[in-house]
């Protein structure tokens, strides 16, 4: 089995050459071929499948990750993503007909072509070391780029297997793994890239964004955040307790979109605590430490950081609290806090800590959410439809799962990303292809159109009047912003409504719409 000692860092002096080779290979245009991309995606799929057992062992070694979580949330996800992308690639890569083109411009056949950005850098994270490295790589391959992948050095066993997969299954001229820590990452950032994709913390993201700005390199930043959950007095308390506890035990809470704190209506707080305890006993009947279904903290540094947060809180521990430094074990711990400024609220724990802050009502919960962090990565409201819609309306977040813990982040084909403090850009499914593509607008002007286009040439005298005859959009609203509906539109729509279904009715509806538009353009109403 590979260990941390087996991880060999890439010599820093080799990194500029590696980056240069990737750029040079991109300029051969081989990666632009759809067939080339499909072969690479298919080979990556088999690389993941062939190394499944090695990946399970590596994830177990790095994070104590249970095989179930490793298979469902990382290995199977990445293999499925490679398969899904290869099946969809031809469809995604097709030219798109440009929408909403004025009639005068239609002969130019405006279209959008998806083209690769070039040579890209992907910086992975330790908490889901395979998913958060291979996932973006799949998008980069699908879009036709060359790429350098730098896995997290904090998950060394998984990084070794990933390098084995990339070097053994993919074209080494196009795709390379660079191993290393801060020094190697710094050298990588000194190279010229056409995009940088980073998953991790905000402090490092600021360094990356600043460095990228020097060369106007676009970035996608997938960060974390102080994600709130809200349990209203009308919520299903048992369901809320089960789903939110699950959200904090997966990967020992080392999940960027898990709730950082939970705001609970005071009226249902005792019931919520009681349900948490009952669920805890159900999930871990023999205790969590003895369970094979619970991961460990990734390393000593993060263990001490989380433990310090627990030691320094002024809140009351209601459940859990045990730690074992020798195993990097921290028990899922429920803490009731009474101050919104408690460190468990204001800092991202990125661990199995479950602070609960009682609130008077939904309005107070919303005020606290907007005070603690304006744009968290995830938001988790539990309550009635009216309550959850109010919360969604009056807060912001990268994504949201209503009546669940980060379910929106568990759908492989659903666009995923942060906003503001929690990141910028998105990926997953087709969004991964779009993330590493440039949408290139293309027109083709036929020579026979020259008689019309000659209006654009000087001298301009008398040409404005001619252009006006070609028409254009006119407002269908008055100066107060109110939409004006013509009598003709009303009559035609009423006639269509009076018919008892059938194709004639739908034809009249279309005629009504066309006539209405023509009437409005002519009258300016």
Protein backbone atom coordinates (compact mmCIF):
# COMPACT_ATOMS: atom_id res chain seq x y z
CA UNK A 1 0.00 0.00 0.00
CA UNK A 2 1.27 3.49 -0.86
CA UNK A 3 2.00 5.80 2.08
CA UNK A 4 2.77 9.46 2.62
CA UNK A 5 6.49 8.63 2.52
CA UNK A 6 6.08 7.19 -0.98
CA UNK A 7 4.86 10.45 -2.49
CA UNK A 8 7.64 11.95 -4.60
CA UNK A 9 7.34 15.67 -5.25
CA UNK A 10 7.95 16.86 -8.79
CA UNK A 11 11.27 18.75 -8.96
CA UNK A 12 10.43 22.43 -9.06
CA UNK A 13 12.94 23.03 -11.85
CA UNK A 14 10.96 20.65 -14.10
CA UNK A 15 7.67 22.50 -13.77
CA UNK A 16 8.32 25.28 -16.34
CA UNK A 17 9.24 22.63 -18.92
CA UNK A 18 6.10 20.62 -18.15
CA UNK A 19 3.90 23.70 -18.56
CA UNK A 20 5.66 24.63 -21.80
CA UNK A 21 5.19 21.12 -23.20
CA UNK A 22 1.47 21.22 -22.49
CA UNK A 23 1.11 24.54 -24.27
CA UNK A 24 3.13 23.29 -27.23
CA UNK A 25 1.03 20.15 -27.52
CA UNK A 26 -2.17 22.15 -27.43
CA UNK A 27 -0.87 24.12 -30.39
CA UNK A 28 -0.64 20.91 -32.42
CA UNK A 29 -4.48 21.01 -32.32
CA UNK A 30 -4.73 17.27 -31.63
CA UNK A 31 -6.84 17.76 -28.50
CA UNK A 32 -9.44 19.65 -30.53
CA UNK A 33 -10.52 16.43 -32.22
CA UNK A 34 -13.73 15.05 -30.71
CA UNK A 35 -12.48 11.52 -31.30
CA UNK A 36 -9.26 12.28 -29.42
CA UNK A 37 -11.21 13.62 -26.44
CA UNK A 38 -13.55 10.61 -26.43
CA UNK A 39 -10.63 8.18 -26.38
CA UNK A 40 -9.07 10.02 -23.43
CA UNK A 41 -12.34 10.02 -21.49
CA UNK A 42 -12.88 6.33 -22.13
CA UNK A 43 -9.34 5.51 -21.05
CA UNK A 44 -9.81 7.59 -17.91
CA UNK A 45 -12.95 5.61 -17.12
CA UNK A 46 -11.03 2.34 -17.31
CA UNK A 47 -8.16 3.83 -15.34
CA UNK A 48 -10.55 4.54 -12.48
CA UNK A 49 -12.25 1.15 -12.71
CA UNK A 50 -8.98 -0.79 -12.92
CA UNK A 51 -7.62 1.01 -9.86
CA UNK A 52 -10.81 0.85 -7.79
CA UNK A 53 -9.33 -1.28 -5.00
CA UNK A 54 -6.18 0.83 -4.84
CA UNK A 55 -8.30 3.98 -4.57
CA UNK A 56 -10.46 2.50 -1.78
CA UNK A 57 -7.30 1.67 0.20
CA UNK A 58 -5.75 5.08 -0.50
CA UNK A 59 -8.84 6.98 0.63
CA UNK A 60 -8.99 4.80 3.72
CA UNK A 61 -5.36 5.59 4.48
CA UNK A 62 -5.63 9.33 3.86
CA UNK A 63 -8.97 10.03 5.54
CA UNK A 64 -10.16 6.81 7.13
CA UNK A 65 -12.91 7.02 4.53
CA UNK A 66 -15.37 4.11 4.68
CA UNK A 67 -15.48 2.04 1.45
CA UNK A 68 -19.15 2.97 1.01
CA UNK A 69 -18.34 6.70 0.97
CA UNK A 70 -15.27 6.12 -1.20
CA UNK A 71 -17.26 4.20 -3.80
CA UNK A 72 -20.42 6.31 -3.82
CA UNK A 73 -18.98 9.79 -3.39
CA UNK A 74 -15.67 9.54 -5.20
CA UNK A 75 -14.75 6.49 -7.27
CA UNK A 76 -18.18 5.68 -8.69
CA UNK A 77 -18.96 9.37 -9.16
CA UNK A 78 -15.80 9.99 -11.22
CA UNK A 79 -16.25 6.85 -13.31
CA UNK A 80 -19.88 7.75 -13.93
CA UNK A 81 -18.93 11.32 -14.81
CA UNK A 82 -16.38 10.13 -17.37
CA UNK A 83 -18.97 7.79 -18.88
CA UNK A 84 -21.75 10.41 -18.91
CA UNK A 85 -19.47 13.02 -20.45
CA UNK A 86 -18.24 10.69 -23.18
CA UNK A 87 -21.84 9.87 -24.07
CA UNK A 88 -22.88 13.53 -24.20
CA UNK A 89 -19.75 15.12 -25.70
CA UNK A 90 -20.83 15.20 -29.36
CA UNK A 91 -24.08 16.88 -28.41
CA UNK A 92 -22.38 19.47 -26.18
CA UNK A 93 -19.68 20.27 -28.73
CA UNK A 94 -22.08 21.01 -31.60
CA UNK A 95 -22.33 24.56 -32.89
CA UNK A 96 -25.35 26.39 -31.49
CA UNK A 97 -27.63 28.55 -33.54
CA UNK A 98 -27.47 32.00 -32.02
CA UNK A 99 -30.80 33.00 -30.41
CA UNK A 100 -32.85 36.17 -30.88
CA UNK A 101 -31.13 37.30 -34.07
CA UNK A 102 -32.83 40.24 -35.88
CA UNK A 103 -34.23 39.30 -39.27
CA UNK A 104 -31.78 41.60 -41.05
CA UNK A 105 -28.83 39.65 -39.58
CA UNK A 106 -30.23 36.17 -40.22
CA UNK A 107 -28.41 35.74 -43.60
CA UNK A 108 -25.11 35.94 -41.70
CA UNK A 109 -25.94 32.57 -40.04
CA UNK A 110 -24.76 33.64 -36.56
CA UNK A 111 -23.68 30.70 -34.40
CA UNK A 112 -21.79 29.84 -31.24
CA UNK A 113 -18.88 27.44 -31.42
CA UNK A 114 -17.47 25.88 -28.25
CA UNK A 115 -13.66 25.97 -28.42
CA UNK A 116 -11.06 24.88 -25.82
CA UNK A 117 -9.36 27.53 -23.72
CA UNK A 118 -5.88 26.05 -24.13
CA UNK A 119 -3.61 24.70 -21.41
CA UNK A 120 -5.18 24.64 -17.94
CA UNK A 121 -4.05 24.11 -14.34
CA UNK A 122 -6.19 22.17 -11.85
CA UNK A 123 -5.42 22.40 -8.13
CA UNK A 124 -7.24 19.70 -6.15
CA UNK A 125 -8.39 19.48 -2.52
CA UNK A 126 -7.81 16.91 0.23
CA UNK A 127 -11.31 16.24 1.57
CA UNK A 128 -12.55 14.51 -1.59
CA UNK A 129 -9.13 14.10 -3.20
CA UNK A 130 -10.25 12.01 -6.17
CA UNK A 131 -13.55 13.74 -6.94
CA UNK A 132 -12.24 17.29 -6.65
CA UNK A 133 -9.28 16.55 -8.91
CA UNK A 134 -10.59 14.11 -11.51
CA UNK A 135 -13.97 15.87 -11.77
CA UNK A 136 -12.50 19.11 -13.18
CA UNK A 137 -10.02 17.11 -15.27
CA UNK A 138 -12.92 15.39 -17.02
CA UNK A 139 -14.30 18.80 -17.99
CA UNK A 140 -10.91 19.97 -19.23
CA UNK A 141 -10.48 16.87 -21.39
CA UNK A 142 -14.01 17.07 -22.76
CA UNK A 143 -13.55 20.69 -23.79
CA UNK A 144 -10.34 19.88 -25.68
CA UNK A 145 -7.68 21.35 -23.41
CA UNK A 146 -4.33 20.08 -22.23
CA UNK A 147 -4.00 20.05 -18.45
CA UNK A 148 -1.67 19.82 -15.49
CA UNK A 149 -3.24 18.38 -12.33
CA UNK A 150 -1.76 19.15 -8.91
CA UNK A 151 -3.47 16.92 -6.30
CA UNK A 152 -3.50 17.88 -2.63
CA UNK A 153 -0.37 16.83 -0.80
CA UNK A 154 -2.56 16.33 2.29
CA UNK A 155 -4.00 13.16 0.72
CA UNK A 156 -0.73 11.61 -0.47
CA UNK A 157 -1.83 7.99 -0.96
CA UNK A 158 -4.68 9.06 -3.24
CA UNK A 159 -2.38 11.47 -5.07
CA UNK A 160 -0.04 8.60 -5.89
CA UNK A 161 -2.84 6.47 -7.38
CA UNK A 162 -4.15 9.44 -9.39
CA UNK A 163 -0.71 10.01 -10.88
CA UNK A 164 -0.57 6.32 -11.76
CA UNK A 165 -3.93 6.59 -13.55
CA UNK A 166 -3.14 9.78 -15.46
CA UNK A 167 0.34 8.69 -16.54
CA UNK A 168 -0.69 5.13 -17.33
CA UNK A 169 -3.98 5.68 -19.17
CA UNK A 170 -3.99 9.20 -20.65
CA UNK A 171 -1.81 10.79 -23.31
CA UNK A 172 1.24 12.08 -21.37
CA UNK A 173 1.81 14.76 -24.00
CA UNK A 174 -1.49 16.37 -23.00
CA UNK A 175 -2.05 15.47 -19.35
CA UNK A 176 0.43 15.39 -16.47
CA UNK A 177 0.25 15.20 -12.68
CA UNK A 178 2.59 17.47 -10.73
CA UNK A 179 3.08 16.44 -7.10
CA UNK A 180 4.08 18.86 -4.39
CA UNK A 181 3.21 21.35 -1.70
CA UNK A 182 3.33 25.10 -1.38
CA UNK A 183 6.68 25.52 -3.16
CA UNK A 184 5.63 23.48 -6.20
CA UNK A 185 2.23 25.22 -6.32
CA UNK A 186 3.99 28.58 -6.28
CA UNK A 187 6.11 27.60 -9.29
CA UNK A 188 3.02 26.33 -11.09
CA UNK A 189 1.29 29.67 -10.55
CA UNK A 190 4.31 31.45 -12.02
CA UNK A 191 3.62 29.75 -15.38
CA UNK A 192 1.22 31.05 -18.00
CA UNK A 193 -2.10 29.18 -18.11
CA UNK A 194 -5.29 29.69 -20.04
CA UNK A 195 -7.37 28.85 -16.96
CA UNK A 196 -6.79 27.95 -13.33
CA UNK A 197 -9.29 25.77 -11.47
CA UNK A 198 -8.90 25.69 -7.69
CA UNK A 199 -10.81 23.96 -4.92
CA UNK A 200 -9.96 24.89 -1.33
CA UNK A 201 -9.97 27.74 1.16
CA UNK A 202 -10.52 31.44 0.66
CA UNK A 203 -7.06 32.52 1.86
CA UNK A 204 -5.27 30.49 -0.82
CA UNK A 205 -7.91 31.47 -3.39
CA UNK A 206 -7.01 35.13 -2.90
CA UNK A 207 -3.36 34.37 -3.63
CA UNK A 208 -4.34 32.45 -6.77
CA UNK A 209 -6.72 35.15 -7.98
CA UNK A 210 -4.10 37.85 -7.44
CA UNK A 211 -1.46 35.87 -9.30
CA UNK A 212 -3.85 35.05 -12.15
CA UNK A 213 -4.78 38.70 -12.50
CA UNK A 214 -1.19 39.53 -13.46
CA UNK A 215 -1.66 37.66 -16.75
CA UNK A 216 -5.45 38.12 -17.05
CA UNK A 217 -5.89 34.38 -16.57
CA UNK A 218 -9.50 33.35 -15.85
CA UNK A 219 -10.11 31.36 -12.68
CA UNK A 220 -12.77 29.10 -11.26
CA UNK A 221 -12.69 29.08 -7.47
CA UNK A 222 -14.63 26.42 -5.57
CA UNK A 223 -14.43 27.50 -1.94
CA UNK A 224 -16.27 26.80 1.30
CA UNK A 225 -18.27 28.93 3.64
CA UNK A 226 -20.08 29.29 6.92
CA UNK A 227 -23.12 27.45 5.60
CA UNK A 228 -26.33 27.84 7.63
CA UNK A 229 -29.19 25.43 8.25
CA UNK A 230 -32.53 26.71 9.53
CA UNK A 231 -35.15 24.63 11.34
CA UNK A 232 -38.45 26.47 11.73
CA UNK A 233 -41.13 25.56 14.26
CA UNK A 234 -43.22 24.10 11.44
CA UNK A 235 -40.53 21.79 10.09
CA UNK A 236 -40.59 18.00 10.36
CA UNK A 237 -38.18 17.90 13.30
CA UNK A 238 -37.30 14.21 13.07
CA UNK A 239 -36.47 14.51 9.37
CA UNK A 240 -34.44 17.67 9.96
CA UNK A 241 -32.40 16.01 12.74
CA UNK A 242 -31.66 12.87 10.71
CA UNK A 243 -30.66 14.67 7.55
CA UNK A 244 -28.56 17.35 9.23
CA UNK A 245 -26.73 14.84 11.42
CA UNK A 246 -25.95 12.79 8.32
CA UNK A 247 -24.61 15.94 6.68
CA UNK A 248 -22.00 16.31 9.43
CA UNK A 249 -20.90 12.68 9.81
CA UNK A 250 -20.06 12.10 6.13
CA UNK A 251 -16.27 12.31 5.78
CA UNK A 252 -16.14 13.36 9.47
CA UNK A 253 -17.68 16.70 8.49
CA UNK A 254 -14.86 17.56 6.07
CA UNK A 255 -17.34 18.66 3.43
CA UNK A 256 -17.26 22.19 2.04
CA UNK A 257 -21.04 22.37 1.67
CA UNK A 258 -22.10 20.81 4.98
CA UNK A 259 -23.88 23.12 7.41
CA UNK A 260 -21.52 25.09 9.63
CA UNK A 261 -24.22 26.00 12.14
CA UNK A 262 -27.94 25.41 12.62
CA UNK A 263 -30.50 28.04 13.61
CA UNK A 264 -33.41 26.38 15.43
CA UNK A 265 -36.68 27.97 16.51
CA UNK A 266 -36.71 28.02 20.34
CA UNK A 267 -40.15 26.45 20.39
CA UNK A 268 -38.89 23.19 18.88
CA UNK A 269 -35.31 23.21 20.21
CA UNK A 270 -35.84 20.51 22.90
CA UNK A 271 -37.50 18.21 20.36
CA UNK A 272 -34.73 18.81 17.84
CA UNK A 273 -32.02 17.95 20.41
CA UNK A 274 -33.92 14.84 21.45
CA UNK A 275 -34.20 13.69 17.83
CA UNK A 276 -30.48 14.31 17.23
CA UNK A 277 -29.62 12.06 20.18
CA UNK A 278 -32.01 9.33 19.01
CA UNK A 279 -30.63 9.47 15.48
CA UNK A 280 -27.05 9.40 16.75
CA UNK A 281 -27.79 6.22 18.70
CA UNK A 282 -29.43 4.70 15.62
CA UNK A 283 -26.52 5.53 13.30
CA UNK A 284 -23.84 4.34 15.75
CA UNK A 285 -25.37 1.74 18.09
CA UNK A 286 -21.92 0.66 19.33
CA UNK A 287 -20.43 4.12 19.46
CA UNK A 288 -18.94 6.18 16.68
CA UNK A 289 -15.30 5.45 17.43
CA UNK A 290 -15.81 1.72 17.03
CA UNK A 291 -17.77 2.19 13.82
CA UNK A 292 -16.23 1.39 10.46
CA UNK A 293 -18.62 3.93 8.90
CA UNK A 294 -16.92 7.05 10.24
CA UNK A 295 -13.86 8.76 8.77
CA UNK A 296 -10.96 10.52 10.48
CA UNK A 297 -9.54 14.04 10.27
CA UNK A 298 -7.04 14.28 7.43
CA UNK A 299 -3.94 15.26 9.42
CA UNK A 300 -2.59 16.49 12.75
CA UNK A 301 -2.79 20.18 11.83
CA UNK A 302 -6.49 20.04 11.00
CA UNK A 303 -7.16 17.87 14.07
CA UNK A 304 -5.62 20.49 16.34
CA UNK A 305 -7.48 23.31 14.57
CA UNK A 306 -10.89 21.68 15.04
CA UNK A 307 -10.12 20.62 18.61
CA UNK A 308 -9.10 24.19 19.47
CA UNK A 309 -12.45 25.46 18.18
CA UNK A 310 -14.20 22.95 20.44
CA UNK A 311 -12.01 23.81 23.42
CA UNK A 312 -12.50 27.56 23.02
CA UNK A 313 -16.26 27.68 22.52
CA UNK A 314 -18.42 29.11 25.28
CA UNK A 315 -21.26 26.86 24.22
CA UNK A 316 -22.62 23.83 26.04
CA UNK A 317 -21.82 20.35 24.68
CA UNK A 318 -25.06 18.38 24.40
CA UNK A 319 -23.78 15.32 22.56
CA UNK A 320 -20.36 13.89 21.75
CA UNK A 321 -17.17 15.80 22.41
CA UNK A 322 -14.67 12.93 22.59
CA UNK A 323 -11.33 13.24 20.79
CA UNK A 324 -8.31 11.00 20.27
CA UNK A 325 -5.21 12.61 18.84
CA UNK A 326 -3.49 9.29 18.12
CA UNK A 327 -6.28 8.36 15.68
CA UNK A 328 -7.10 11.90 14.55
CA UNK A 329 -10.60 11.09 15.83
CA UNK A 330 -13.14 13.78 16.69
CA UNK A 331 -16.60 12.63 17.65
CA UNK A 332 -19.61 14.33 16.06
CA UNK A 333 -20.34 17.00 18.65
CA UNK A 334 -23.54 18.96 19.19
CA UNK A 335 -22.97 22.28 20.95
CA UNK A 336 -25.63 24.80 21.95
CA UNK A 337 -24.32 28.36 21.67
CA UNK A 338 -26.11 31.52 22.71
CA UNK A 339 -23.99 34.16 20.98
CA UNK A 340 -23.86 34.77 17.24
CA UNK A 341 -20.22 35.83 17.73
CA UNK A 342 -19.16 32.45 19.11
CA UNK A 343 -16.23 31.08 17.10
CA UNK A 344 -18.25 27.99 16.17
CA UNK A 345 -20.60 30.32 14.26
CA UNK A 346 -18.17 32.84 12.82
CA UNK A 347 -15.46 30.35 11.74
CA UNK A 348 -15.77 27.47 9.31
CA UNK A 349 -15.09 24.28 11.27
CA UNK A 350 -14.73 21.94 8.28
CA UNK A 351 -15.22 19.11 10.72
CA UNK A 352 -17.86 17.19 12.73
CA UNK A 353 -18.91 20.09 14.96
CA UNK A 354 -22.64 20.85 15.08
CA UNK A 355 -23.29 24.21 16.76
CA UNK A 356 -26.93 25.10 17.36
CA UNK A 357 -28.11 28.66 17.93
CA UNK A 358 -31.71 29.14 19.15
CA UNK A 359 -33.73 31.88 17.40
CA UNK A 360 -37.12 33.46 17.95
CA UNK A 361 -38.41 33.19 14.40
CA UNK A 362 -37.57 32.98 10.72
CA UNK A 363 -36.87 36.72 10.45
CA UNK A 364 -34.20 36.53 13.15
CA UNK A 365 -32.64 33.52 11.42
CA UNK A 366 -32.44 35.44 8.14
CA UNK A 367 -30.80 38.44 9.85
CA UNK A 368 -28.16 36.19 11.39
CA UNK A 369 -27.44 34.41 8.11
CA UNK A 370 -26.86 37.71 6.31
CA UNK A 371 -24.72 38.93 9.20
CA UNK A 372 -22.42 35.89 9.54
CA UNK A 373 -21.66 35.44 5.83
CA UNK A 374 -23.50 37.15 3.03
CA UNK A 375 -22.81 34.45 0.43
CA UNK A 376 -22.24 30.97 1.89
CA UNK A 377 -21.70 28.00 -0.39
CA UNK A 378 -24.82 26.19 0.78
CA UNK A 379 -28.12 26.97 2.53
CA UNK A 380 -30.43 24.43 4.18
CA UNK A 381 -33.91 25.60 5.21
CA UNK A 382 -36.36 23.18 6.85
CA UNK A 383 -39.98 24.26 7.11
CA UNK A 384 -43.12 24.95 5.13
CA UNK A 385 -42.98 26.02 1.50
CA UNK A 386 -43.88 29.57 2.48
CA UNK A 387 -41.11 29.68 5.08
CA UNK A 388 -38.43 28.13 2.89
CA UNK A 389 -39.31 30.36 -0.06
CA UNK A 390 -39.00 33.41 2.20
CA UNK A 391 -35.57 32.23 3.34
CA UNK A 392 -34.45 31.63 -0.25
CA UNK A 393 -35.74 35.05 -1.31
CA UNK A 394 -34.07 37.02 1.47
CA UNK A 395 -30.67 35.29 1.53
CA UNK A 396 -27.95 34.41 -0.97
CA UNK A 397 -25.85 31.28 -1.40
CA UNK A 398 -24.02 29.25 -4.01
CA UNK A 399 -26.71 26.57 -3.83
CA UNK A 400 -29.50 25.37 -1.56
CA UNK A 401 -31.20 22.16 -0.49
CA UNK A 402 -34.67 22.62 0.91
CA UNK A 403 -35.50 20.15 3.68
CA UNK A 404 -32.19 18.33 3.29
CA UNK A 405 -28.46 18.50 3.84
CA UNK A 406 -26.54 19.51 0.68
CA UNK A 407 -28.55 17.27 -1.64
CA UNK A 408 -28.04 19.77 -4.45
CA UNK A 409 -24.33 18.99 -4.23
CA UNK A 410 -24.86 15.26 -4.60
CA UNK A 411 -26.35 15.35 -8.11
CA UNK A 412 -23.46 14.81 -10.56
CA UNK A 413 -25.14 16.58 -13.47
CA UNK A 414 -26.41 19.63 -11.54
CA UNK A 415 -24.35 22.80 -11.94
CA UNK A 416 -22.35 23.44 -8.77
CA UNK A 417 -20.46 26.51 -7.60
CA UNK A 418 -20.19 29.35 -5.13
CA UNK A 419 -20.91 33.05 -5.25
CA UNK A 420 -19.06 35.97 -3.71
CA UNK A 421 -17.10 34.76 -0.69
CA UNK A 422 -17.84 31.12 -1.47
CA UNK A 423 -16.29 31.16 -4.92
CA UNK A 424 -16.87 31.97 -8.56
CA UNK A 425 -17.67 29.84 -11.57
CA UNK A 426 -19.33 26.43 -11.65
CA UNK A 427 -18.89 22.92 -12.98
CA UNK A 428 -20.40 19.38 -12.93
CA UNK A 429 -22.09 17.71 -15.89
CA UNK A 430 -22.36 19.98 -18.92
CA UNK A 431 -21.21 22.89 -16.75
CA UNK A 432 -17.79 21.20 -16.55
CA UNK A 433 -17.55 21.26 -20.34
CA UNK A 434 -18.66 24.90 -20.38
CA UNK A 435 -16.21 25.77 -17.59
CA UNK A 436 -13.23 24.92 -19.79
CA UNK A 437 -14.68 26.17 -23.09
CA UNK A 438 -14.89 29.54 -24.79
CA UNK A 439 -18.14 30.35 -26.55
CA UNK A 440 -16.91 31.79 -29.83
CA UNK A 441 -19.41 33.86 -31.81
CA UNK A 442 -19.13 33.32 -35.56
CA UNK A 443 -20.86 34.95 -38.53
CA UNK A 444 -20.46 34.30 -42.25
CA UNK A 445 -21.37 37.18 -44.53
CA UNK A 446 -22.51 36.17 -48.05
CA UNK A 447 -21.32 38.30 -50.97
CA UNK A 448 -24.87 38.69 -52.31
CA UNK A 449 -25.79 40.74 -49.25
CA UNK A 450 -23.52 43.59 -50.28
CA UNK A 451 -26.31 45.72 -51.72
CA UNK A 452 -27.97 45.87 -48.31
CA UNK A 453 -24.76 46.15 -46.32
CA UNK A 454 -23.58 49.07 -48.44
CA UNK A 455 -25.70 51.26 -46.16
CA UNK A 456 -22.90 51.03 -43.58
CA UNK A 457 -20.32 52.68 -45.82
CA UNK A 458 -19.65 56.44 -45.99
CA UNK A 459 -20.86 58.88 -47.03
CA UNK A 460 -23.73 58.58 -44.50
CA UNK A 461 -25.96 61.35 -45.82
CA UNK A 462 -29.59 60.17 -46.16
CA UNK A 463 -28.84 56.65 -44.91
CA UNK A 464 -30.51 56.93 -41.48
CA UNK A 465 -33.89 57.22 -43.16
CA UNK A 466 -33.24 54.09 -45.21
CA UNK A 467 -32.16 52.18 -42.11
CA UNK A 468 -35.36 53.23 -40.35
CA UNK A 469 -37.40 51.59 -43.11
CA UNK A 470 -35.80 48.24 -42.26
CA UNK A 471 -37.68 48.34 -38.97
CA UNK A 472 -36.70 47.35 -35.46
CA UNK A 473 -38.08 46.61 -32.06
CA UNK A 474 -40.47 49.12 -30.55
CA UNK A 475 -41.55 49.21 -26.92
CA UNK A 476 -44.88 47.69 -25.95
CA UNK A 477 -44.97 49.73 -22.73
CA UNK A 478 -45.69 53.35 -21.83
CA UNK A 479 -43.50 55.87 -20.03
CA UNK A 480 -44.66 54.51 -16.67
CA UNK A 481 -43.38 51.06 -17.62
CA UNK A 482 -46.85 49.58 -18.00
CA UNK A 483 -47.42 47.05 -20.80
CA UNK A 484 -49.99 48.14 -23.36
CA UNK A 485 -52.12 45.37 -24.87
CA UNK A 486 -53.78 46.23 -28.15
CA UNK A 487 -57.44 45.60 -28.93
CA UNK A 488 -56.42 43.31 -31.82
CA UNK A 489 -54.45 41.11 -29.44
CA UNK A 490 -57.41 40.82 -27.08
CA UNK A 491 -59.85 39.90 -29.85
CA UNK A 492 -57.63 37.23 -31.38
CA UNK A 493 -56.75 35.72 -28.01
CA UNK A 494 -60.42 35.64 -26.99
CA UNK A 495 -61.33 33.89 -30.24
CA UNK A 496 -58.67 31.25 -29.70
CA UNK A 497 -59.82 30.70 -26.13
CA UNK A 498 -63.41 30.13 -27.24
CA UNK A 499 -62.46 27.11 -29.36
CA UNK A 500 -62.56 23.68 -27.73
CA UNK A 501 -58.92 22.68 -28.20
CA UNK A 502 -57.42 21.14 -31.33
CA UNK A 503 -54.82 22.34 -33.81
CA UNK A 504 -56.96 25.27 -34.99
CA UNK A 505 -56.87 26.77 -31.52
CA UNK A 506 -53.10 26.60 -31.36
CA UNK A 507 -52.74 28.05 -34.84
CA UNK A 508 -54.94 30.99 -33.82
CA UNK A 509 -52.81 31.52 -30.71
CA UNK A 510 -49.70 31.70 -32.89
CA UNK A 511 -51.44 34.06 -35.34
CA UNK A 512 -52.51 36.21 -32.38
CA UNK A 513 -48.98 36.46 -31.11
CA UNK A 514 -47.54 37.32 -34.54
CA UNK A 515 -50.28 39.84 -35.24
CA UNK A 516 -49.85 41.42 -31.84
CA UNK A 517 -46.13 41.85 -32.35
CA UNK A 518 -46.64 43.34 -35.80
CA UNK A 519 -49.33 45.69 -34.50
CA UNK A 520 -47.18 46.86 -31.61
CA UNK A 521 -44.18 47.44 -33.86
CA UNK A 522 -46.28 49.50 -36.22
CA UNK A 523 -48.01 51.62 -33.59
CA UNK A 524 -45.30 51.81 -30.94
CA UNK A 525 -47.87 50.85 -28.29
